[in-house]
Amino acid sequence: MVLQGKLIFAALAIYYICHINILYRDRHPDGLTLNK
């Protein structure tokens, strides 16, 4: 059960990181992009 909780936490972390990346690129289209 602990492993399942870690997998869910990792999935949420990846989702939020990707979402923040998209918002940042929308706000700063001419800024630096870490992943092209």
N, C-alpha and C. Protein backbone atom coordinates (compact mmCIF):
# COMPACT_ATOMS: atom_id res chain seq x y z
N MET A 1 0.84 -1.21 0.00
CA MET A 1 0.00 0.00 0.00
C MET A 1 0.87 1.25 0.00
N VAL A 2 2.04 1.17 0.65
CA VAL A 2 2.93 2.33 0.68
C VAL A 2 3.45 2.62 -0.72
N LEU A 3 3.77 1.55 -1.47
CA LEU A 3 4.27 1.74 -2.83
C LEU A 3 3.21 2.39 -3.70
N GLN A 4 1.96 1.98 -3.52
CA GLN A 4 0.86 2.56 -4.32
C GLN A 4 0.73 4.05 -4.02
N GLY A 5 0.87 4.42 -2.76
CA GLY A 5 0.78 5.83 -2.39
C GLY A 5 1.90 6.63 -3.02
N LYS A 6 3.11 6.05 -3.07
CA LYS A 6 4.24 6.75 -3.69
C LYS A 6 4.02 6.93 -5.18
N LEU A 7 3.43 5.92 -5.83
CA LEU A 7 3.18 6.03 -7.27
C LEU A 7 2.17 7.14 -7.54
N ILE A 8 1.13 7.22 -6.72
CA ILE A 8 0.13 8.27 -6.90
C ILE A 8 0.76 9.64 -6.68
N PHE A 9 1.60 9.76 -5.65
CA PHE A 9 2.26 11.03 -5.36
C PHE A 9 3.17 11.43 -6.51
N ALA A 10 3.91 10.47 -7.07
CA ALA A 10 4.81 10.76 -8.19
C ALA A 10 4.01 11.21 -9.41
N ALA A 11 2.88 10.56 -9.66
CA ALA A 11 2.05 10.93 -10.81
C ALA A 11 1.52 12.35 -10.64
N LEU A 12 1.07 12.70 -9.44
CA LEU A 12 0.58 14.06 -9.20
C LEU A 12 1.70 15.07 -9.36
N ALA A 13 2.89 14.75 -8.86
CA ALA A 13 4.02 15.67 -8.97
C ALA A 13 4.36 15.93 -10.44
N ILE A 14 4.41 14.85 -11.24
CA ILE A 14 4.71 15.00 -12.67
C ILE A 14 3.63 15.83 -13.34
N TYR A 15 2.37 15.60 -12.99
CA TYR A 15 1.26 16.34 -13.60
C TYR A 15 1.37 17.83 -13.29
N TYR A 16 1.64 18.16 -12.02
CA TYR A 16 1.73 19.57 -11.65
C TYR A 16 2.93 20.24 -12.30
N ILE A 17 4.07 19.53 -12.38
CA ILE A 17 5.27 20.10 -13.02
C ILE A 17 4.99 20.39 -14.49
N CYS A 18 4.35 19.47 -15.18
CA CYS A 18 4.04 19.68 -16.60
C CYS A 18 3.05 20.84 -16.74
N HIS A 19 2.07 20.93 -15.85
CA HIS A 19 1.07 21.99 -15.93
C HIS A 19 1.72 23.35 -15.72
N ILE A 20 2.63 23.44 -14.73
CA ILE A 20 3.33 24.71 -14.47
C ILE A 20 4.20 25.07 -15.66
N ASN A 21 4.85 24.07 -16.28
CA ASN A 21 5.68 24.35 -17.46
C ASN A 21 4.84 24.96 -18.57
N ILE A 22 3.65 24.43 -18.81
CA ILE A 22 2.78 24.93 -19.88
C ILE A 22 2.35 26.37 -19.56
N LEU A 23 1.97 26.62 -18.31
CA LEU A 23 1.54 27.97 -17.93
C LEU A 23 2.70 28.95 -18.08
N TYR A 24 3.90 28.52 -17.70
CA TYR A 24 5.06 29.42 -17.78
C TYR A 24 5.37 29.75 -19.23
N ARG A 25 5.28 28.75 -20.11
CA ARG A 25 5.57 28.99 -21.53
C ARG A 25 4.50 29.89 -22.15
N ASP A 26 3.26 29.77 -21.67
CA ASP A 26 2.20 30.64 -22.21
C ASP A 26 2.42 32.09 -21.78
N ARG A 27 2.92 32.28 -20.57
CA ARG A 27 3.15 33.64 -20.08
C ARG A 27 4.42 34.24 -20.66
N HIS A 28 5.42 33.39 -20.91
CA HIS A 28 6.71 33.87 -21.42
C HIS A 28 7.08 33.11 -22.70
N PRO A 29 6.45 33.43 -23.81
CA PRO A 29 6.72 32.70 -25.06
C PRO A 29 8.15 32.91 -25.56
N ASP A 30 8.73 34.07 -25.23
CA ASP A 30 10.09 34.36 -25.70
C ASP A 30 11.13 34.00 -24.65
N GLY A 31 10.68 33.46 -23.52
CA GLY A 31 11.61 33.14 -22.45
C GLY A 31 12.34 31.83 -22.72
N LEU A 32 13.12 31.42 -21.73
CA LEU A 32 13.88 30.18 -21.88
C LEU A 32 12.96 28.98 -21.73
N THR A 33 13.16 27.98 -22.58
CA THR A 33 12.38 26.75 -22.49
C THR A 33 13.34 25.62 -22.18
N LEU A 34 13.13 24.95 -21.05
CA LEU A 34 14.04 23.88 -20.65
C LEU A 34 13.93 22.69 -21.58
N ASN A 35 12.69 22.34 -21.93
CA ASN A 35 12.51 21.18 -22.81
C ASN A 35 11.80 21.62 -24.08
N LYS A 36 12.43 21.40 -25.21
CA LYS A 36 11.84 21.82 -26.49
C LYS A 36 11.11 20.66 -27.14
